[in-house]
Every structure is written in C-alpha cells, then in structure tokens.
Amino acid sequence: MASITIPNLDDALEGQLRLRAAARNRSMEDEARDILRTALAHEPADTKHLIDAMRELVEPFGGVDLELPPRGPIREPPDFK
C-alpha cells in the first residue's frame, strides 16, 4: 500500500481536515483517504484521445478531405565542418 506526504499544507486546510475527521469520528488520515476516494470515483472513467474528439466534431458535417502537399526528395543534411 502506498503512502504520501503533503508538504506545506495550509494551516487552515489542516484545521478543516481535523474538524471534518473529528465530526465523522475518524483519524485525519482516514478522512483524507475517504476524500481522495470520493473525488477520484467521480472522475470520468475513460478520456478520449484528441483525434477522436476532433473526429466527433467534424464527422456530422461529412468529414474533411485534406489535400496533401506533394513530396519531394530528401534534402541533404547540413555540413557543420
């Protein structure tokens, strides 16, 4: 099981956590774990890739055909001598 340390925690925030934990008859550590568990449970389960989000926006309009520029020969690398 992992363990974390939160340096420079605001005194006011630490006080709020202490009061919240006491009101729920828990330790501060247990209350912090519960807060993290609750917050992360509401995160979206799956995030889209940028290309999928873009495709979702463009497809209703029939998509987009991009004209590709012609390819030329590979240039010689510079000589730094």
N, C-alpha and C. Protein backbone atom coordinates (compact mmCIF):
# COMPACT_ATOMS: atom_id res chain seq x y z
N MET A 1 0.84 -1.16 0.00
CA MET A 1 0.00 0.00 0.00
C MET A 1 0.89 1.23 0.00
N ALA A 2 0.52 2.23 -0.80
CA ALA A 2 1.32 3.44 -0.95
C ALA A 2 1.08 4.41 0.21
N SER A 3 2.02 5.30 0.36
CA SER A 3 1.95 6.32 1.40
C SER A 3 2.38 7.64 0.78
N ILE A 4 1.70 8.74 1.12
CA ILE A 4 2.08 10.05 0.58
C ILE A 4 2.28 11.04 1.72
N THR A 5 3.11 12.02 1.45
CA THR A 5 3.33 13.12 2.38
C THR A 5 2.97 14.39 1.62
N ILE A 6 2.25 15.29 2.27
CA ILE A 6 1.87 16.54 1.64
C ILE A 6 2.57 17.67 2.38
N PRO A 7 3.70 18.13 1.83
CA PRO A 7 4.41 19.22 2.50
C PRO A 7 3.71 20.56 2.29
N ASN A 8 3.97 21.48 3.18
CA ASN A 8 3.44 22.85 3.10
C ASN A 8 1.91 22.89 3.06
N LEU A 9 1.26 22.01 3.80
CA LEU A 9 -0.19 22.02 3.87
C LEU A 9 -0.63 23.24 4.66
N ASP A 10 -1.53 24.01 4.11
CA ASP A 10 -2.05 25.22 4.73
C ASP A 10 -2.57 24.90 6.13
N ASP A 11 -2.29 25.75 7.10
CA ASP A 11 -2.78 25.52 8.46
C ASP A 11 -4.31 25.51 8.49
N ALA A 12 -4.93 26.39 7.72
CA ALA A 12 -6.39 26.45 7.69
C ALA A 12 -6.97 25.16 7.10
N LEU A 13 -6.33 24.64 6.06
CA LEU A 13 -6.79 23.41 5.43
C LEU A 13 -6.62 22.22 6.38
N GLU A 14 -5.50 22.20 7.07
CA GLU A 14 -5.25 21.13 8.04
C GLU A 14 -6.29 21.20 9.16
N GLY A 15 -6.64 22.42 9.57
CA GLY A 15 -7.66 22.58 10.61
C GLY A 15 -9.02 22.09 10.14
N GLN A 16 -9.37 22.40 8.89
CA GLN A 16 -10.65 21.93 8.33
C GLN A 16 -10.68 20.40 8.28
N LEU A 17 -9.56 19.81 7.87
CA LEU A 17 -9.50 18.35 7.80
C LEU A 17 -9.64 17.74 9.19
N ARG A 18 -8.97 18.35 10.16
CA ARG A 18 -9.04 17.86 11.55
C ARG A 18 -10.49 17.93 12.05
N LEU A 19 -11.18 19.05 11.82
CA LEU A 19 -12.57 19.19 12.26
C LEU A 19 -13.50 18.21 11.55
N ARG A 20 -13.29 18.07 10.24
CA ARG A 20 -14.14 17.15 9.47
C ARG A 20 -13.94 15.71 9.95
N ALA A 21 -12.70 15.34 10.21
CA ALA A 21 -12.40 13.99 10.70
C ALA A 21 -13.03 13.76 12.07
N ALA A 22 -12.91 14.75 12.94
CA ALA A 22 -13.48 14.64 14.29
C ALA A 22 -15.00 14.50 14.22
N ALA A 23 -15.64 15.26 13.33
CA ALA A 23 -17.10 15.19 13.20
C ALA A 23 -17.55 13.81 12.73
N ARG A 24 -16.69 13.12 12.00
CA ARG A 24 -17.03 11.79 11.50
C ARG A 24 -16.39 10.68 12.35
N ASN A 25 -15.79 11.09 13.45
CA ASN A 25 -15.15 10.14 14.37
C ASN A 25 -14.09 9.29 13.67
N ARG A 26 -13.24 9.96 12.88
CA ARG A 26 -12.17 9.29 12.13
C ARG A 26 -10.85 9.98 12.41
N SER A 27 -9.78 9.31 12.01
CA SER A 27 -8.47 9.96 12.04
C SER A 27 -8.37 10.88 10.83
N MET A 28 -7.43 11.81 10.89
CA MET A 28 -7.23 12.70 9.74
C MET A 28 -6.82 11.90 8.51
N GLU A 29 -5.98 10.90 8.70
CA GLU A 29 -5.52 10.08 7.58
C GLU A 29 -6.68 9.34 6.93
N ASP A 30 -7.56 8.79 7.76
CA ASP A 30 -8.71 8.05 7.22
C ASP A 30 -9.65 9.00 6.48
N GLU A 31 -9.81 10.20 7.03
CA GLU A 31 -10.67 11.18 6.37
C GLU A 31 -10.07 11.61 5.03
N ALA A 32 -8.76 11.83 4.99
CA ALA A 32 -8.09 12.21 3.74
C ALA A 32 -8.24 11.09 2.70
N ARG A 33 -8.09 9.84 3.13
CA ARG A 33 -8.28 8.71 2.21
C ARG A 33 -9.69 8.72 1.64
N ASP A 34 -10.68 8.96 2.50
CA ASP A 34 -12.07 8.97 2.06
C ASP A 34 -12.33 10.11 1.08
N ILE A 35 -11.75 11.28 1.34
CA ILE A 35 -11.91 12.43 0.44
C ILE A 35 -11.31 12.10 -0.92
N LEU A 36 -10.11 11.53 -0.94
CA LEU A 36 -9.47 11.16 -2.21
C LEU A 36 -10.28 10.09 -2.95
N ARG A 37 -10.73 9.09 -2.22
CA ARG A 37 -11.51 8.00 -2.83
C ARG A 37 -12.78 8.56 -3.47
N THR A 38 -13.49 9.44 -2.76
CA THR A 38 -14.73 10.04 -3.27
C THR A 38 -14.46 10.92 -4.48
N ALA A 39 -13.43 11.75 -4.39
CA ALA A 39 -13.10 12.65 -5.51
C ALA A 39 -12.72 11.87 -6.76
N LEU A 40 -11.94 10.83 -6.61
CA LEU A 40 -11.48 10.07 -7.77
C LEU A 40 -12.57 9.16 -8.34
N ALA A 41 -13.55 8.81 -7.55
CA ALA A 41 -14.65 7.99 -8.04
C ALA A 41 -15.51 8.76 -9.02
N HIS A 42 -15.49 10.10 -8.94
CA HIS A 42 -16.31 10.93 -9.82
C HIS A 42 -15.56 11.37 -11.07
N GLU A 43 -14.34 10.92 -11.22
CA GLU A 43 -13.56 11.24 -12.42
C GLU A 43 -14.13 10.46 -13.60
N PRO A 44 -14.06 11.01 -14.80
CA PRO A 44 -14.50 10.25 -15.97
C PRO A 44 -13.65 8.99 -16.11
N ALA A 45 -14.32 7.89 -16.38
CA ALA A 45 -13.62 6.60 -16.45
C ALA A 45 -12.68 6.53 -17.65
N ASP A 46 -13.10 7.10 -18.76
CA ASP A 46 -12.31 6.98 -19.98
C ASP A 46 -12.18 8.35 -20.62
N THR A 47 -10.97 8.77 -20.88
CA THR A 47 -10.77 10.04 -21.56
C THR A 47 -10.52 9.75 -23.03
N LYS A 48 -10.97 10.67 -23.88
CA LYS A 48 -10.81 10.49 -25.32
C LYS A 48 -9.44 10.98 -25.76
N HIS A 49 -8.97 10.40 -26.81
CA HIS A 49 -7.78 10.92 -27.45
C HIS A 49 -8.18 12.14 -28.25
N LEU A 50 -7.27 13.05 -28.45
CA LEU A 50 -7.56 14.29 -29.16
C LEU A 50 -8.13 14.01 -30.55
N ILE A 51 -7.57 13.06 -31.26
CA ILE A 51 -8.04 12.78 -32.61
C ILE A 51 -9.48 12.28 -32.61
N ASP A 52 -9.85 11.49 -31.59
CA ASP A 52 -11.22 11.01 -31.50
C ASP A 52 -12.19 12.15 -31.23
N ALA A 53 -11.78 13.09 -30.37
CA ALA A 53 -12.63 14.25 -30.08
C ALA A 53 -12.79 15.11 -31.33
N MET A 54 -11.71 15.30 -32.08
CA MET A 54 -11.78 16.09 -33.32
C MET A 54 -12.68 15.41 -34.34
N ARG A 55 -12.53 14.10 -34.48
CA ARG A 55 -13.35 13.35 -35.45
C ARG A 55 -14.83 13.46 -35.08
N GLU A 56 -15.13 13.41 -33.79
CA GLU A 56 -16.51 13.51 -33.34
C GLU A 56 -17.11 14.87 -33.69
N LEU A 57 -16.30 15.92 -33.68
CA LEU A 57 -16.78 17.25 -34.04
C LEU A 57 -16.99 17.41 -35.53
N VAL A 58 -16.15 16.78 -36.36
CA VAL A 58 -16.15 17.01 -37.79
C VAL A 58 -17.07 16.05 -38.54
N GLU A 59 -17.19 14.82 -38.08
CA GLU A 59 -17.97 13.81 -38.81
C GLU A 59 -19.42 14.20 -39.10
N PRO A 60 -20.13 14.88 -38.19
CA PRO A 60 -21.51 15.26 -38.52
C PRO A 60 -21.62 16.16 -39.76
N PHE A 61 -20.53 16.82 -40.12
CA PHE A 61 -20.54 17.71 -41.29
C PHE A 61 -20.00 17.02 -42.53
N GLY A 62 -19.80 15.73 -42.47
CA GLY A 62 -19.35 14.98 -43.62
C GLY A 62 -17.84 14.76 -43.65
N GLY A 63 -17.17 15.16 -42.61
CA GLY A 63 -15.73 14.95 -42.57
C GLY A 63 -15.00 16.04 -43.33
N VAL A 64 -13.71 15.90 -43.39
CA VAL A 64 -12.86 16.88 -44.07
C VAL A 64 -11.83 16.11 -44.88
N ASP A 65 -11.72 16.46 -46.16
CA ASP A 65 -10.68 15.88 -47.01
C ASP A 65 -9.57 16.91 -47.12
N LEU A 66 -8.42 16.57 -46.63
CA LEU A 66 -7.28 17.47 -46.70
C LEU A 66 -6.42 17.14 -47.90
N GLU A 67 -5.99 18.18 -48.58
CA GLU A 67 -5.11 17.99 -49.73
C GLU A 67 -3.68 17.87 -49.22
N LEU A 68 -3.05 16.77 -49.54
CA LEU A 68 -1.68 16.56 -49.09
C LEU A 68 -0.70 17.18 -50.07
N PRO A 69 0.28 17.90 -49.58
CA PRO A 69 1.26 18.50 -50.49
C PRO A 69 2.12 17.42 -51.13
N PRO A 70 2.62 17.67 -52.33
CA PRO A 70 3.47 16.66 -52.97
C PRO A 70 4.78 16.51 -52.19
N ARG A 71 5.27 15.28 -52.21
CA ARG A 71 6.53 15.00 -51.51
C ARG A 71 7.69 15.20 -52.46
N GLY A 72 8.73 15.78 -51.93
CA GLY A 72 9.94 15.99 -52.73
C GLY A 72 11.04 15.06 -52.24
N PRO A 73 12.18 15.14 -52.89
CA PRO A 73 13.29 14.30 -52.45
C PRO A 73 13.81 14.77 -51.08
N ILE A 74 14.44 13.87 -50.38
CA ILE A 74 15.00 14.19 -49.07
C ILE A 74 16.19 15.11 -49.26
N ARG A 75 16.24 16.17 -48.47
CA ARG A 75 17.34 17.12 -48.57
C ARG A 75 18.60 16.53 -47.92
N GLU A 76 19.71 16.99 -48.38
CA GLU A 76 20.99 16.57 -47.80
C GLU A 76 21.12 17.23 -46.42
N PRO A 77 21.65 16.50 -45.44
CA PRO A 77 21.83 17.11 -44.12
C PRO A 77 22.91 18.19 -44.19
N PRO A 78 22.83 19.20 -43.32
CA PRO A 78 23.84 20.27 -43.35
C PRO A 78 25.21 19.74 -42.90
N ASP A 79 26.23 20.38 -43.40
CA ASP A 79 27.60 20.01 -43.04
C ASP A 79 28.12 21.10 -42.10
N PHE A 80 28.39 20.74 -40.85
CA PHE A 80 28.81 21.71 -39.85
C PHE A 80 30.34 21.77 -39.66
N LYS A 81 31.07 21.47 -40.70
CA LYS A 81 32.54 21.48 -40.61
C LYS A 81 33.07 22.88 -40.70
